[in-house]
């Protein structure tokens, strides 16, 4: 499902105009992004948890030359599905 399809689904299920559904979806995405940038964890009970994971600096290899290469540390966003979402998907 693409963003436009999600907006259509929100407008149909919630009885909102497409413009209002788009504003709401953008607000949710922006709020989640801002919280993750600030290092916060977002828990949506029954849906899942968004958080930031730190991948530390490590040594890797260039697959073509087999030379060792330093891979820099970085933060990555992670989503862990909640039990209710897992159950709904596995019905």
N, C-alpha and C. Protein backbone atom coordinates (compact mmCIF):
# COMPACT_ATOMS: atom_id res chain seq x y z
N UNK A 1 0.85 -1.18 0.00
CA UNK A 1 0.00 0.00 0.00
C UNK A 1 0.89 1.24 0.00
N UNK A 2 0.58 2.15 -0.88
CA UNK A 2 1.33 3.39 -0.97
C UNK A 2 0.63 4.46 -0.15
N UNK A 3 1.30 5.61 0.02
CA UNK A 3 0.77 6.68 0.85
C UNK A 3 -0.59 7.15 0.36
N UNK A 4 -0.77 7.30 -0.94
CA UNK A 4 -2.05 7.76 -1.49
C UNK A 4 -3.15 6.75 -1.19
N UNK A 5 -2.84 5.47 -1.26
CA UNK A 5 -3.83 4.44 -0.95
C UNK A 5 -4.18 4.44 0.53
N UNK A 6 -3.19 4.70 1.39
CA UNK A 6 -3.44 4.79 2.82
C UNK A 6 -4.32 6.00 3.14
N UNK A 7 -4.09 7.10 2.47
CA UNK A 7 -4.93 8.30 2.65
C UNK A 7 -6.36 7.99 2.24
N UNK A 8 -6.54 7.29 1.13
CA UNK A 8 -7.90 6.91 0.70
C UNK A 8 -8.57 6.01 1.72
N UNK A 9 -7.83 5.05 2.28
CA UNK A 9 -8.39 4.13 3.27
C UNK A 9 -8.78 4.89 4.54
N UNK A 10 -7.94 5.82 4.98
CA UNK A 10 -8.26 6.62 6.16
C UNK A 10 -9.51 7.46 5.93
N UNK A 11 -9.61 8.07 4.76
CA UNK A 11 -10.77 8.93 4.48
C UNK A 11 -12.06 8.10 4.40
N UNK A 12 -11.99 6.89 3.84
CA UNK A 12 -13.18 6.04 3.75
C UNK A 12 -13.59 5.47 5.10
N UNK A 13 -12.62 4.94 5.86
CA UNK A 13 -12.95 4.32 7.14
C UNK A 13 -13.33 5.35 8.20
N UNK A 14 -12.71 6.52 8.15
CA UNK A 14 -12.96 7.52 9.18
C UNK A 14 -14.01 8.54 8.81
N UNK A 15 -14.44 8.52 7.56
CA UNK A 15 -15.43 9.50 7.11
C UNK A 15 -14.86 10.91 6.98
N UNK A 16 -13.57 11.00 6.70
CA UNK A 16 -12.90 12.30 6.54
C UNK A 16 -12.74 12.62 5.06
N UNK A 17 -12.52 13.90 4.78
CA UNK A 17 -12.17 14.26 3.40
C UNK A 17 -10.74 13.79 3.16
N UNK A 18 -10.38 13.63 1.90
CA UNK A 18 -9.02 13.19 1.58
C UNK A 18 -7.99 14.21 2.07
N UNK A 19 -8.34 15.47 2.00
CA UNK A 19 -7.43 16.53 2.45
C UNK A 19 -7.18 16.43 3.96
N UNK A 20 -8.26 16.19 4.72
CA UNK A 20 -8.12 16.05 6.18
C UNK A 20 -7.35 14.77 6.53
N UNK A 21 -7.60 13.69 5.80
CA UNK A 21 -6.89 12.44 6.04
C UNK A 21 -5.40 12.61 5.75
N UNK A 22 -5.08 13.34 4.69
CA UNK A 22 -3.67 13.59 4.36
C UNK A 22 -2.99 14.42 5.44
N UNK A 23 -3.69 15.44 5.94
CA UNK A 23 -3.13 16.27 7.03
C UNK A 23 -2.89 15.43 8.27
N UNK A 24 -3.84 14.57 8.61
CA UNK A 24 -3.71 13.73 9.80
C UNK A 24 -2.54 12.76 9.66
N UNK A 25 -2.45 12.11 8.52
CA UNK A 25 -1.35 11.16 8.30
C UNK A 25 0.00 11.88 8.34
N UNK A 26 0.09 13.04 7.71
CA UNK A 26 1.34 13.80 7.73
C UNK A 26 1.70 14.22 9.14
N UNK A 27 0.71 14.61 9.94
CA UNK A 27 0.96 15.00 11.32
C UNK A 27 1.48 13.82 12.14
N UNK A 28 0.92 12.64 11.93
CA UNK A 28 1.37 11.46 12.65
C UNK A 28 2.80 11.11 12.26
N UNK A 29 3.08 11.09 10.97
CA UNK A 29 4.43 10.75 10.49
C UNK A 29 5.45 11.77 10.99
N UNK A 30 5.11 13.06 10.92
CA UNK A 30 6.02 14.10 11.40
C UNK A 30 6.26 13.99 12.90
N UNK A 31 5.22 13.68 13.66
CA UNK A 31 5.36 13.54 15.11
C UNK A 31 6.24 12.36 15.47
N UNK A 32 6.06 11.24 14.80
CA UNK A 32 6.90 10.07 15.04
C UNK A 32 8.35 10.37 14.68
N UNK A 33 8.56 11.02 13.55
CA UNK A 33 9.91 11.37 13.11
C UNK A 33 10.59 12.30 14.10
N UNK A 34 9.87 13.34 14.55
CA UNK A 34 10.44 14.29 15.51
C UNK A 34 10.81 13.61 16.82
N UNK A 35 9.96 12.69 17.29
CA UNK A 35 10.24 11.99 18.54
C UNK A 35 11.47 11.09 18.39
N UNK A 36 11.59 10.40 17.26
CA UNK A 36 12.76 9.54 17.04
C UNK A 36 14.04 10.35 16.93
N UNK A 37 13.97 11.49 16.28
CA UNK A 37 15.14 12.37 16.16
C UNK A 37 15.58 12.83 17.55
N UNK A 38 14.61 13.06 18.44
CA UNK A 38 14.92 13.49 19.80
C UNK A 38 15.36 12.33 20.69
N UNK A 39 15.39 11.11 20.14
CA UNK A 39 15.83 9.95 20.89
C UNK A 39 14.76 9.31 21.74
N UNK A 40 13.51 9.68 21.52
CA UNK A 40 12.40 9.12 22.29
C UNK A 40 11.92 7.81 21.69
N UNK A 41 11.23 7.03 22.51
CA UNK A 41 10.63 5.77 22.08
C UNK A 41 9.12 5.99 22.01
N UNK A 42 8.48 5.53 20.95
CA UNK A 42 7.03 5.70 20.77
C UNK A 42 6.39 4.33 20.88
N UNK A 43 5.45 4.19 21.81
CA UNK A 43 4.74 2.93 22.00
C UNK A 43 3.27 3.14 21.70
N UNK A 44 2.75 2.43 20.72
CA UNK A 44 1.34 2.44 20.39
C UNK A 44 0.79 1.09 20.82
N UNK A 45 0.11 1.07 21.97
CA UNK A 45 -0.37 -0.19 22.56
C UNK A 45 -1.25 -0.93 21.55
N UNK A 46 -0.97 -2.19 21.35
CA UNK A 46 -1.71 -3.01 20.41
C UNK A 46 -1.18 -2.94 18.98
N UNK A 47 -0.32 -1.99 18.70
CA UNK A 47 0.23 -1.85 17.35
C UNK A 47 1.72 -2.17 17.34
N UNK A 48 2.51 -1.43 18.12
CA UNK A 48 3.95 -1.68 18.15
C UNK A 48 4.73 -0.54 18.73
N UNK A 49 6.04 -0.66 18.65
CA UNK A 49 6.95 0.32 19.23
C UNK A 49 7.97 0.76 18.19
N UNK A 50 8.15 2.07 18.11
CA UNK A 50 9.20 2.67 17.28
C UNK A 50 10.30 3.14 18.21
N UNK A 51 11.55 2.86 17.85
CA UNK A 51 12.67 3.37 18.63
C UNK A 51 13.90 3.50 17.73
N UNK A 52 14.94 4.12 18.28
CA UNK A 52 16.18 4.31 17.54
C UNK A 52 17.22 3.36 18.12
N UNK A 53 17.87 2.61 17.25
CA UNK A 53 18.92 1.68 17.66
C UNK A 53 20.26 2.22 17.17
N UNK A 54 21.26 2.14 18.02
CA UNK A 54 22.59 2.59 17.65
C UNK A 54 23.41 1.39 17.18
N UNK A 55 23.86 1.43 15.94
CA UNK A 55 24.78 0.41 15.43
C UNK A 55 26.20 0.95 15.62
N UNK A 56 27.00 0.32 16.47
CA UNK A 56 28.34 0.83 16.75
C UNK A 56 29.28 0.67 15.56
N UNK A 57 30.38 1.40 15.64
CA UNK A 57 31.43 1.30 14.63
C UNK A 57 31.98 -0.12 14.62
N UNK A 58 32.28 -0.65 13.41
CA UNK A 58 32.81 -2.01 13.31
C UNK A 58 33.66 -2.16 12.06
N UNK A 59 34.40 -3.23 12.03
CA UNK A 59 35.21 -3.53 10.86
C UNK A 59 34.43 -4.46 9.94
N UNK A 60 34.45 -4.15 8.65
CA UNK A 60 33.82 -4.97 7.64
C UNK A 60 34.82 -5.27 6.55
N UNK A 61 34.34 -5.84 5.45
CA UNK A 61 35.22 -6.14 4.32
C UNK A 61 34.57 -5.67 3.03
N UNK A 62 35.39 -5.17 2.13
CA UNK A 62 34.95 -4.86 0.79
C UNK A 62 34.78 -6.20 0.08
N UNK A 63 33.55 -6.53 -0.37
CA UNK A 63 33.34 -7.86 -0.97
C UNK A 63 34.12 -8.11 -2.26
N UNK A 64 34.48 -7.04 -2.96
CA UNK A 64 35.21 -7.24 -4.22
C UNK A 64 36.70 -7.46 -4.00
N UNK A 65 37.29 -6.68 -3.08
CA UNK A 65 38.73 -6.75 -2.88
C UNK A 65 39.13 -7.48 -1.60
N UNK A 66 38.17 -7.78 -0.74
CA UNK A 66 38.41 -8.42 0.56
C UNK A 66 39.25 -7.58 1.50
N UNK A 67 39.42 -6.30 1.20
CA UNK A 67 40.18 -5.42 2.08
C UNK A 67 39.31 -5.03 3.27
N UNK A 68 39.90 -4.95 4.47
CA UNK A 68 39.14 -4.50 5.64
C UNK A 68 38.71 -3.04 5.47
N UNK A 69 37.52 -2.74 5.98
CA UNK A 69 37.00 -1.38 5.85
C UNK A 69 36.26 -1.03 7.13
N UNK A 70 36.47 0.17 7.63
CA UNK A 70 35.79 0.63 8.83
C UNK A 70 34.38 1.10 8.46
N UNK A 71 33.38 0.53 9.12
CA UNK A 71 31.99 0.94 8.93
C UNK A 71 31.64 1.83 10.10
N UNK A 72 31.27 3.07 9.80
CA UNK A 72 31.01 4.06 10.84
C UNK A 72 29.75 3.73 11.63
N UNK A 73 29.70 4.22 12.86
CA UNK A 73 28.53 4.06 13.72
C UNK A 73 27.37 4.87 13.13
N UNK A 74 26.15 4.36 13.32
CA UNK A 74 24.99 5.12 12.86
C UNK A 74 23.76 4.71 13.66
N UNK A 75 22.79 5.58 13.67
CA UNK A 75 21.51 5.32 14.32
C UNK A 75 20.52 4.90 13.25
N UNK A 76 19.72 3.88 13.56
CA UNK A 76 18.71 3.41 12.61
C UNK A 76 17.36 3.30 13.31
N UNK A 77 16.27 3.68 12.63
CA UNK A 77 14.95 3.52 13.23
C UNK A 77 14.54 2.05 13.17
N UNK A 78 13.87 1.60 14.25
CA UNK A 78 13.45 0.20 14.35
C UNK A 78 11.98 0.17 14.76
N UNK A 79 11.23 -0.76 14.18
CA UNK A 79 9.83 -0.97 14.57
C UNK A 79 9.68 -2.41 15.04
N UNK A 80 9.08 -2.58 16.21
CA UNK A 80 8.79 -3.91 16.73
C UNK A 80 7.27 -4.02 16.86
N UNK A 81 6.69 -4.98 16.15
CA UNK A 81 5.25 -5.15 16.14
C UNK A 81 4.77 -5.63 17.51
N UNK A 82 3.59 -5.12 17.93
CA UNK A 82 2.96 -5.53 19.16
C UNK A 82 2.23 -6.85 18.99
N UNK A 83 1.86 -7.48 20.10
CA UNK A 83 1.23 -8.80 20.05
C UNK A 83 -0.11 -8.76 19.31
N UNK A 84 -0.91 -7.71 19.51
CA UNK A 84 -2.21 -7.63 18.85
C UNK A 84 -2.04 -7.56 17.32
N UNK A 85 -1.04 -6.83 16.84
CA UNK A 85 -0.77 -6.74 15.40
C UNK A 85 -0.29 -8.09 14.88
N UNK A 86 0.59 -8.75 15.62
CA UNK A 86 1.06 -10.07 15.21
C UNK A 86 -0.10 -11.06 15.11
N UNK A 87 -0.99 -11.02 16.11
CA UNK A 87 -2.14 -11.93 16.10
C UNK A 87 -3.06 -11.65 14.91
N UNK A 88 -3.27 -10.36 14.61
CA UNK A 88 -4.17 -9.99 13.50
C UNK A 88 -3.59 -10.46 12.16
N UNK A 89 -2.29 -10.35 12.01
CA UNK A 89 -1.64 -10.76 10.76
C UNK A 89 -1.65 -12.27 10.60
N UNK A 90 -1.59 -12.99 11.70
CA UNK A 90 -1.50 -14.45 11.65
C UNK A 90 -2.84 -15.16 11.76
N UNK A 91 -3.96 -14.45 11.64
CA UNK A 91 -5.28 -15.08 11.69
C UNK A 91 -5.50 -15.95 10.49
